[in-house]
Amino acid sequence: MREEVANNWAQAQEDLQTARVLLDTERYYASVFFSQQAAEKALKALHLHEKREQPKTHNLVELAKALEASEEVHEAARELTPDYLVTRYVNAANGIPAEMYDQKSAQMHLNYAQAVMEWTRKRLPK
């Protein structure tokens, strides 16, 4: 595996673990953000592997489409993409991001990220 692919994949795994820790400590908005980041970096690792270029987007739907991802990954991409901004910016959330998420929504986003990670892992070289 090329170094840039391996580095993106390693960071995706770290971000997924961070999402889990934040969920356990009830930092739901931050857990959602790191779930989105895990999925994004996983898809970017695969994009780098398959297309041999760094994608210049945070739109997981675009990445999933370019990678001809499964419907499950497309669903996850649709749910996770807005959280790149909504979890961090008051004006994007139209309120306080920390108040926009609860345990149920954070767990759902973590599940989506895990699905993306699993699909990606199967397509990356060992």
N, C-alpha and C. Protein backbone atom coordinates (compact mmCIF):
# COMPACT_ATOMS: atom_id res chain seq x y z
N MET A 1 0.85 -1.17 0.00
CA MET A 1 0.00 0.00 0.00
C MET A 1 0.90 1.24 0.00
N ARG A 2 0.58 2.17 -0.88
CA ARG A 2 1.36 3.41 -0.94
C ARG A 2 1.23 4.19 0.37
N GLU A 3 2.28 4.95 0.68
CA GLU A 3 2.33 5.66 1.95
C GLU A 3 1.15 6.61 2.14
N GLU A 4 0.79 7.38 1.12
CA GLU A 4 -0.32 8.34 1.28
C GLU A 4 -1.65 7.62 1.50
N VAL A 5 -1.82 6.47 0.91
CA VAL A 5 -3.03 5.67 1.13
C VAL A 5 -3.02 5.15 2.56
N ALA A 6 -1.90 4.58 2.97
CA ALA A 6 -1.77 4.03 4.32
C ALA A 6 -1.98 5.11 5.38
N ASN A 7 -1.45 6.30 5.14
CA ASN A 7 -1.60 7.39 6.10
C ASN A 7 -3.05 7.84 6.24
N ASN A 8 -3.75 7.97 5.12
CA ASN A 8 -5.16 8.34 5.18
C ASN A 8 -5.97 7.25 5.89
N TRP A 9 -5.68 6.00 5.59
CA TRP A 9 -6.39 4.89 6.21
C TRP A 9 -6.11 4.85 7.72
N ALA A 10 -4.86 5.05 8.11
CA ALA A 10 -4.52 5.05 9.53
C ALA A 10 -5.25 6.18 10.27
N GLN A 11 -5.31 7.35 9.66
CA GLN A 11 -6.00 8.47 10.31
C GLN A 11 -7.50 8.21 10.36
N ALA A 12 -8.06 7.58 9.35
CA ALA A 12 -9.49 7.22 9.37
C ALA A 12 -9.78 6.31 10.56
N GLN A 13 -8.90 5.34 10.81
CA GLN A 13 -9.09 4.43 11.94
C GLN A 13 -9.00 5.18 13.26
N GLU A 14 -8.06 6.11 13.36
CA GLU A 14 -7.95 6.92 14.58
C GLU A 14 -9.18 7.80 14.78
N ASP A 15 -9.67 8.39 13.70
CA ASP A 15 -10.86 9.23 13.81
C ASP A 15 -12.08 8.42 14.23
N LEU A 16 -12.20 7.19 13.76
CA LEU A 16 -13.31 6.34 14.16
C LEU A 16 -13.22 6.02 15.65
N GLN A 17 -12.02 5.72 16.13
CA GLN A 17 -11.84 5.47 17.56
C GLN A 17 -12.16 6.72 18.37
N THR A 18 -11.75 7.87 17.88
CA THR A 18 -12.06 9.13 18.57
C THR A 18 -13.57 9.34 18.64
N ALA A 19 -14.28 9.04 17.56
CA ALA A 19 -15.75 9.15 17.56
C ALA A 19 -16.35 8.25 18.64
N ARG A 20 -15.82 7.05 18.79
CA ARG A 20 -16.32 6.13 19.83
C ARG A 20 -16.10 6.71 21.23
N VAL A 21 -14.89 7.21 21.47
CA VAL A 21 -14.56 7.77 22.79
C VAL A 21 -15.46 8.97 23.09
N LEU A 22 -15.66 9.82 22.11
CA LEU A 22 -16.51 10.99 22.31
C LEU A 22 -17.97 10.61 22.54
N LEU A 23 -18.43 9.57 21.88
CA LEU A 23 -19.79 9.08 22.13
C LEU A 23 -19.90 8.59 23.57
N ASP A 24 -18.91 7.84 24.02
CA ASP A 24 -18.92 7.31 25.39
C ASP A 24 -18.87 8.41 26.44
N THR A 25 -18.27 9.56 26.11
CA THR A 25 -18.16 10.67 27.06
C THR A 25 -19.24 11.73 26.82
N GLU A 26 -20.23 11.39 26.00
CA GLU A 26 -21.41 12.22 25.75
C GLU A 26 -21.10 13.54 25.06
N ARG A 27 -20.05 13.56 24.26
CA ARG A 27 -19.73 14.70 23.41
C ARG A 27 -20.25 14.37 22.02
N TYR A 28 -21.55 14.42 21.89
CA TYR A 28 -22.22 13.87 20.73
C TYR A 28 -21.90 14.60 19.43
N TYR A 29 -21.93 15.93 19.45
CA TYR A 29 -21.63 16.68 18.23
C TYR A 29 -20.22 16.38 17.75
N ALA A 30 -19.27 16.27 18.67
CA ALA A 30 -17.88 15.99 18.31
C ALA A 30 -17.74 14.56 17.81
N SER A 31 -18.48 13.64 18.39
CA SER A 31 -18.49 12.26 17.92
C SER A 31 -18.98 12.20 16.48
N VAL A 32 -20.03 12.94 16.19
CA VAL A 32 -20.57 12.98 14.82
C VAL A 32 -19.53 13.55 13.86
N PHE A 33 -18.85 14.61 14.27
CA PHE A 33 -17.81 15.19 13.41
C PHE A 33 -16.73 14.16 13.10
N PHE A 34 -16.25 13.46 14.11
CA PHE A 34 -15.19 12.48 13.87
C PHE A 34 -15.69 11.26 13.11
N SER A 35 -16.96 10.94 13.22
CA SER A 35 -17.52 9.89 12.36
C SER A 35 -17.45 10.32 10.90
N GLN A 36 -17.83 11.57 10.64
CA GLN A 36 -17.76 12.09 9.28
C GLN A 36 -16.32 12.08 8.79
N GLN A 37 -15.40 12.49 9.64
CA GLN A 37 -13.99 12.54 9.26
C GLN A 37 -13.44 11.15 8.96
N ALA A 38 -13.82 10.16 9.76
CA ALA A 38 -13.37 8.78 9.53
C ALA A 38 -13.83 8.30 8.16
N ALA A 39 -15.09 8.54 7.86
CA ALA A 39 -15.62 8.11 6.56
C ALA A 39 -14.94 8.85 5.42
N GLU A 40 -14.74 10.15 5.58
CA GLU A 40 -14.09 10.94 4.52
C GLU A 40 -12.67 10.45 4.26
N LYS A 41 -11.91 10.26 5.31
CA LYS A 41 -10.51 9.84 5.12
C LYS A 41 -10.42 8.42 4.58
N ALA A 42 -11.35 7.56 4.96
CA ALA A 42 -11.37 6.20 4.41
C ALA A 42 -11.65 6.25 2.91
N LEU A 43 -12.66 7.01 2.53
CA LEU A 43 -12.99 7.12 1.10
C LEU A 43 -11.85 7.78 0.33
N LYS A 44 -11.20 8.76 0.93
CA LYS A 44 -10.07 9.40 0.26
C LYS A 44 -8.90 8.44 0.11
N ALA A 45 -8.68 7.59 1.11
CA ALA A 45 -7.63 6.57 0.99
C ALA A 45 -7.91 5.66 -0.19
N LEU A 46 -9.15 5.22 -0.31
CA LEU A 46 -9.51 4.33 -1.42
C LEU A 46 -9.43 5.07 -2.75
N HIS A 47 -9.85 6.32 -2.77
CA HIS A 47 -9.75 7.13 -3.99
C HIS A 47 -8.29 7.27 -4.42
N LEU A 48 -7.42 7.53 -3.46
CA LEU A 48 -5.99 7.62 -3.76
C LEU A 48 -5.47 6.29 -4.31
N HIS A 49 -5.92 5.20 -3.74
CA HIS A 49 -5.48 3.88 -4.18
C HIS A 49 -5.98 3.57 -5.60
N GLU A 50 -7.27 3.78 -5.83
CA GLU A 50 -7.86 3.39 -7.11
C GLU A 50 -7.64 4.40 -8.22
N LYS A 51 -7.73 5.68 -7.91
CA LYS A 51 -7.66 6.72 -8.94
C LYS A 51 -6.30 7.39 -9.02
N ARG A 52 -5.47 7.15 -8.02
CA ARG A 52 -4.11 7.70 -7.97
C ARG A 52 -4.08 9.22 -7.99
N GLU A 53 -5.09 9.83 -7.34
CA GLU A 53 -5.11 11.29 -7.20
C GLU A 53 -5.83 11.66 -5.92
N GLN A 54 -5.42 12.79 -5.36
CA GLN A 54 -6.03 13.30 -4.13
C GLN A 54 -7.32 14.04 -4.48
N PRO A 55 -8.46 13.56 -4.01
CA PRO A 55 -9.71 14.29 -4.30
C PRO A 55 -9.74 15.60 -3.51
N LYS A 56 -10.31 16.61 -4.12
CA LYS A 56 -10.36 17.92 -3.49
C LYS A 56 -11.80 18.26 -3.13
N THR A 57 -12.38 17.42 -2.28
CA THR A 57 -13.75 17.63 -1.85
C THR A 57 -13.94 17.07 -0.45
N HIS A 58 -14.93 17.61 0.24
CA HIS A 58 -15.36 17.04 1.52
C HIS A 58 -16.72 16.39 1.34
N ASN A 59 -17.19 16.32 0.12
CA ASN A 59 -18.50 15.77 -0.19
C ASN A 59 -18.38 14.25 -0.33
N LEU A 60 -18.87 13.54 0.65
CA LEU A 60 -18.78 12.09 0.64
C LEU A 60 -19.64 11.47 -0.45
N VAL A 61 -20.70 12.15 -0.84
CA VAL A 61 -21.55 11.65 -1.93
C VAL A 61 -20.75 11.62 -3.24
N GLU A 62 -19.99 12.68 -3.49
CA GLU A 62 -19.14 12.71 -4.69
C GLU A 62 -18.10 11.61 -4.65
N LEU A 63 -17.49 11.41 -3.49
CA LEU A 63 -16.48 10.36 -3.36
C LEU A 63 -17.10 8.98 -3.57
N ALA A 64 -18.25 8.74 -2.97
CA ALA A 64 -18.92 7.45 -3.12
C ALA A 64 -19.28 7.19 -4.58
N LYS A 65 -19.74 8.22 -5.24
CA LYS A 65 -20.09 8.09 -6.66
C LYS A 65 -18.85 7.76 -7.49
N ALA A 66 -17.77 8.48 -7.26
CA ALA A 66 -16.53 8.27 -8.02
C ALA A 66 -15.98 6.86 -7.80
N LEU A 67 -16.24 6.30 -6.62
CA LEU A 67 -15.74 4.97 -6.28
C LEU A 67 -16.73 3.85 -6.59
N GLU A 68 -17.88 4.24 -7.16
CA GLU A 68 -18.93 3.26 -7.47
C GLU A 68 -19.26 2.43 -6.23
N ALA A 69 -19.52 3.14 -5.15
CA ALA A 69 -19.76 2.52 -3.85
C ALA A 69 -21.13 1.83 -3.81
N SER A 70 -21.27 1.00 -2.81
CA SER A 70 -22.54 0.30 -2.58
C SER A 70 -23.62 1.29 -2.16
N GLU A 71 -24.86 0.86 -2.22
CA GLU A 71 -25.97 1.71 -1.79
C GLU A 71 -25.83 2.05 -0.31
N GLU A 72 -25.34 1.13 0.49
CA GLU A 72 -25.14 1.38 1.91
C GLU A 72 -24.15 2.53 2.13
N VAL A 73 -23.10 2.56 1.35
CA VAL A 73 -22.11 3.63 1.46
C VAL A 73 -22.70 4.95 0.97
N HIS A 74 -23.49 4.89 -0.10
CA HIS A 74 -24.15 6.12 -0.58
C HIS A 74 -25.09 6.68 0.48
N GLU A 75 -25.82 5.82 1.15
CA GLU A 75 -26.72 6.27 2.22
C GLU A 75 -25.91 6.93 3.34
N ALA A 76 -24.84 6.28 3.74
CA ALA A 76 -23.98 6.85 4.79
C ALA A 76 -23.41 8.20 4.35
N ALA A 77 -22.99 8.28 3.10
CA ALA A 77 -22.43 9.53 2.57
C ALA A 77 -23.44 10.66 2.61
N ARG A 78 -24.68 10.34 2.26
CA ARG A 78 -25.73 11.38 2.30
C ARG A 78 -25.97 11.88 3.72
N GLU A 79 -25.92 10.99 4.68
CA GLU A 79 -26.15 11.38 6.07
C GLU A 79 -24.96 12.11 6.68
N LEU A 80 -23.75 11.70 6.35
CA LEU A 80 -22.55 12.24 6.99
C LEU A 80 -22.05 13.54 6.38
N THR A 81 -22.26 13.75 5.10
CA THR A 81 -21.69 14.92 4.42
C THR A 81 -22.03 16.25 5.10
N PRO A 82 -23.28 16.54 5.44
CA PRO A 82 -23.58 17.85 6.04
C PRO A 82 -22.87 18.09 7.38
N ASP A 83 -22.51 17.02 8.05
CA ASP A 83 -21.93 17.15 9.38
C ASP A 83 -20.52 17.71 9.38
N TYR A 84 -19.90 17.77 8.22
CA TYR A 84 -18.59 18.41 8.11
C TYR A 84 -18.68 19.86 8.57
N LEU A 85 -19.77 20.52 8.27
CA LEU A 85 -19.96 21.92 8.65
C LEU A 85 -20.87 22.10 9.87
N VAL A 86 -21.98 21.38 9.89
CA VAL A 86 -22.99 21.59 10.92
C VAL A 86 -22.45 21.32 12.33
N THR A 87 -21.56 20.37 12.47
CA THR A 87 -21.02 20.05 13.79
C THR A 87 -20.05 21.10 14.32
N ARG A 88 -19.60 22.00 13.45
CA ARG A 88 -18.54 22.93 13.85
C ARG A 88 -18.93 24.39 13.84
N TYR A 89 -19.93 24.76 13.07
CA TYR A 89 -20.20 26.18 12.88
C TYR A 89 -21.63 26.54 13.26
N VAL A 90 -21.75 27.52 14.12
CA VAL A 90 -23.05 27.98 14.58
C VAL A 90 -23.92 28.43 13.40
N ASN A 91 -23.33 29.16 12.47
CA ASN A 91 -24.13 29.64 11.34
C ASN A 91 -24.57 28.49 10.43
N ALA A 92 -23.79 27.44 10.31
CA ALA A 92 -24.18 26.29 9.50
C ALA A 92 -25.26 25.47 10.22
N ALA A 93 -25.19 25.44 11.54
CA ALA A 93 -26.16 24.67 12.33
C ALA A 93 -27.43 25.46 12.60
N ASN A 94 -27.40 26.76 12.34
CA ASN A 94 -28.51 27.64 12.72
C ASN A 94 -28.82 27.49 14.21
N GLY A 95 -27.77 27.36 14.98
CA GLY A 95 -27.87 27.19 16.42
C GLY A 95 -26.55 26.68 16.96
N ILE A 96 -26.58 26.15 18.14
CA ILE A 96 -25.38 25.65 18.79
C ILE A 96 -25.17 24.19 18.39
N PRO A 97 -24.08 23.90 17.70
CA PRO A 97 -23.87 22.51 17.26
C PRO A 97 -23.95 21.49 18.40
N ALA A 98 -23.46 21.83 19.57
CA ALA A 98 -23.48 20.91 20.70
C ALA A 98 -24.90 20.53 21.12
N GLU A 99 -25.88 21.33 20.72
CA GLU A 99 -27.27 21.05 21.07
C GLU A 99 -28.04 20.33 19.95
N MET A 100 -27.37 20.08 18.83
CA MET A 100 -28.04 19.50 17.67
C MET A 100 -28.04 17.97 17.64
N TYR A 101 -27.26 17.36 18.50
CA TYR A 101 -27.08 15.90 18.46
C TYR A 101 -27.30 15.31 19.83
N ASP A 102 -27.77 14.06 19.84
CA ASP A 102 -27.94 13.32 21.08
C ASP A 102 -27.29 11.94 20.92
N GLN A 103 -27.42 11.11 21.93
CA GLN A 103 -26.79 9.79 21.89
C GLN A 103 -27.26 8.97 20.69
N LYS A 104 -28.55 9.00 20.43
CA LYS A 104 -29.11 8.22 19.32
C LYS A 104 -28.54 8.67 17.98
N SER A 105 -28.48 9.97 17.75
CA SER A 105 -27.97 10.47 16.46
C SER A 105 -26.47 10.22 16.33
N ALA A 106 -25.74 10.38 17.44
CA ALA A 106 -24.30 10.13 17.39
C ALA A 106 -24.02 8.65 17.11
N GLN A 107 -24.80 7.76 17.71
CA GLN A 107 -24.63 6.33 17.45
C GLN A 107 -24.95 6.00 16.00
N MET A 108 -26.00 6.62 15.46
CA MET A 108 -26.36 6.39 14.07
C MET A 108 -25.22 6.82 13.14
N HIS A 109 -24.65 7.98 13.39
CA HIS A 109 -23.55 8.47 12.56
C HIS A 109 -22.31 7.58 12.70
N LEU A 110 -22.05 7.09 13.90
CA LEU A 110 -20.94 6.16 14.10
C LEU A 110 -21.18 4.88 13.31
N ASN A 111 -22.40 4.39 13.32
CA ASN A 111 -22.73 3.19 12.54
C ASN A 111 -22.51 3.42 11.05
N TYR A 112 -22.89 4.59 10.56
CA TYR A 112 -22.65 4.91 9.15
C TYR A 112 -21.15 4.92 8.85
N ALA A 113 -20.38 5.54 9.72
CA ALA A 113 -18.93 5.59 9.51
C ALA A 113 -18.33 4.19 9.52
N GLN A 114 -18.79 3.36 10.43
CA GLN A 114 -18.30 1.98 10.49
C GLN A 114 -18.62 1.23 9.21
N ALA A 115 -19.79 1.46 8.65
CA ALA A 115 -20.16 0.80 7.39
C ALA A 115 -19.25 1.24 6.26
N VAL A 116 -18.95 2.52 6.20
CA VAL A 116 -18.03 3.04 5.18
C VAL A 116 -16.64 2.43 5.37
N MET A 117 -16.20 2.38 6.61
CA MET A 117 -14.87 1.83 6.90
C MET A 117 -14.80 0.36 6.49
N GLU A 118 -15.81 -0.40 6.79
CA GLU A 118 -15.80 -1.82 6.47
C GLU A 118 -15.80 -2.03 4.95
N TRP A 119 -16.62 -1.28 4.24
CA TRP A 119 -16.67 -1.39 2.78
C TRP A 119 -15.31 -1.02 2.18
N THR A 120 -14.72 0.04 2.70
CA THR A 120 -13.43 0.51 2.20
C THR A 120 -12.34 -0.51 2.48
N ARG A 121 -12.32 -1.02 3.72
CA ARG A 121 -11.29 -1.98 4.12
C ARG A 121 -11.24 -3.18 3.17
N LYS A 122 -12.40 -3.61 2.73
CA LYS A 122 -12.46 -4.77 1.82
C LYS A 122 -11.86 -4.46 0.45
N ARG A 123 -11.80 -3.19 0.08
CA ARG A 123 -11.31 -2.81 -1.23
C ARG A 123 -9.85 -2.35 -1.22
N LEU A 124 -9.32 -2.08 -0.05
CA LEU A 124 -7.91 -1.67 0.05
C LEU A 124 -7.02 -2.91 0.10
N PRO A 125 -5.79 -2.77 -0.40
CA PRO A 125 -4.86 -3.91 -0.29
C PRO A 125 -4.50 -4.15 1.18
N LYS A 126 -4.11 -5.35 1.48
CA LYS A 126 -3.75 -5.72 2.87
C LYS A 126 -2.53 -5.00 3.33
